[in-house]
């Protein structure tokens, strides 16, 4: 499994944990969905940035 996939799986597990916590705190479902969508988008951006190969020095 690539490091990108590992990072993304861990991040999705983190987002699910936050969504469950928000549900237990009686946050409305629409806001849990909006927050989860934003966090997953940030996770994809961060995973791409951290796992992309570095450019060789010129």
C-alpha atoms as a PDB file:
ATOM      1  CA  UNK A   1       0.000   0.000   0.000  1.00  0.00           C
ATOM      2  CA  UNK A   2       1.354   3.411  -0.902  1.00  0.00           C
ATOM      3  CA  UNK A   3       2.103   6.049   1.693  1.00  0.00           C
ATOM      4  CA  UNK A   4      -0.640   8.210   0.140  1.00  0.00           C
ATOM      5  CA  UNK A   5      -3.257   5.523   0.763  1.00  0.00           C
ATOM      6  CA  UNK A   6      -2.022   4.883   4.298  1.00  0.00           C
ATOM      7  CA  UNK A   7      -2.126   8.595   5.121  1.00  0.00           C
ATOM      8  CA  UNK A   8      -5.591   8.981   3.634  1.00  0.00           C
ATOM      9  CA  UNK A   9      -7.016   5.942   5.456  1.00  0.00           C
ATOM     10  CA  UNK A  10      -5.711   7.249   8.771  1.00  0.00           C
ATOM     11  CA  UNK A  11      -7.151  10.681   8.069  1.00  0.00           C
ATOM     12  CA  UNK A  12     -10.566   9.237   7.159  1.00  0.00           C
ATOM     13  CA  UNK A  13     -10.606   7.258  10.415  1.00  0.00           C
ATOM     14  CA  UNK A  14      -9.819  10.529  12.225  1.00  0.00           C
ATOM     15  CA  UNK A  15     -12.717  12.307  10.449  1.00  0.00           C
ATOM     16  CA  UNK A  16     -15.110   9.470  11.324  1.00  0.00           C
ATOM     17  CA  UNK A  17     -14.104   9.779  14.978  1.00  0.00           C
ATOM     18  CA  UNK A  18     -14.788  13.512  14.916  1.00  0.00           C
ATOM     19  CA  UNK A  19     -18.160  12.948  13.226  1.00  0.00           C
ATOM     20  CA  UNK A  20     -19.187  10.413  15.885  1.00  0.00           C
ATOM     21  CA  UNK A  21     -18.141  12.835  18.632  1.00  0.00           C
ATOM     22  CA  UNK A  22     -20.186  15.614  17.004  1.00  0.00           C
ATOM     23  CA  UNK A  23     -23.186  13.280  16.757  1.00  0.00           C
ATOM     24  CA  UNK A  24     -22.891  12.427  20.456  1.00  0.00           C
ATOM     25  CA  UNK A  25     -22.808  16.166  21.206  1.00  0.00           C
ATOM     26  CA  UNK A  26     -26.125  16.500  19.278  1.00  0.00           C
ATOM     27  CA  UNK A  27     -24.762  18.558  16.380  1.00  0.00           C
ATOM     28  CA  UNK A  28     -27.172  18.674  13.440  1.00  0.00           C
ATOM     29  CA  UNK A  29     -26.464  16.086  10.761  1.00  0.00           C
ATOM     30  CA  UNK A  30     -26.106  18.640   7.975  1.00  0.00           C
ATOM     31  CA  UNK A  31     -23.242  20.356   9.827  1.00  0.00           C
ATOM     32  CA  UNK A  32     -21.549  17.040  10.528  1.00  0.00           C
ATOM     33  CA  UNK A  33     -21.692  16.310   6.787  1.00  0.00           C
ATOM     34  CA  UNK A  34     -20.342  19.731   5.855  1.00  0.00           C
ATOM     35  CA  UNK A  35     -17.499  19.424   8.359  1.00  0.00           C
ATOM     36  CA  UNK A  36     -16.636  15.900   7.231  1.00  0.00           C
ATOM     37  CA  UNK A  37     -16.586  16.960   3.572  1.00  0.00           C
ATOM     38  CA  UNK A  38     -14.268  19.884   4.308  1.00  0.00           C
ATOM     39  CA  UNK A  39     -11.949  17.744   6.424  1.00  0.00           C
ATOM     40  CA  UNK A  40     -11.746  14.997   3.791  1.00  0.00           C
ATOM     41  CA  UNK A  41     -10.880  17.626   1.166  1.00  0.00           C
ATOM     42  CA  UNK A  42      -8.140  18.989   3.417  1.00  0.00           C
ATOM     43  CA  UNK A  43      -6.917  15.454   4.011  1.00  0.00           C
ATOM     44  CA  UNK A  44      -6.579  14.795   0.282  1.00  0.00           C
ATOM     45  CA  UNK A  45      -4.688  18.058  -0.208  1.00  0.00           C
ATOM     46  CA  UNK A  46      -2.375  17.327   2.724  1.00  0.00           C
ATOM     47  CA  UNK A  47      -1.767  13.717   1.675  1.00  0.00           C
ATOM     48  CA  UNK A  48      -0.901  14.815  -1.849  1.00  0.00           C
ATOM     49  CA  UNK A  49       1.461  17.481  -0.584  1.00  0.00           C
ATOM     50  CA  UNK A  50       3.248  15.191   1.880  1.00  0.00           C
ATOM     51  CA  UNK A  51       3.630  12.178  -0.410  1.00  0.00           C
ATOM     52  CA  UNK A  52       4.475  13.739  -3.771  1.00  0.00           C
ATOM     53  CA  UNK A  53       8.035  13.082  -4.923  1.00  0.00           C
ATOM     54  CA  UNK A  54      10.427  15.979  -4.558  1.00  0.00           C
ATOM     55  CA  UNK A  55      11.801  17.630  -7.670  1.00  0.00           C
ATOM     56  CA  UNK A  56      15.468  16.867  -8.245  1.00  0.00           C
ATOM     57  CA  UNK A  57      17.777  19.832  -7.656  1.00  0.00           C
ATOM     58  CA  UNK A  58      18.782  21.667 -10.808  1.00  0.00           C
END
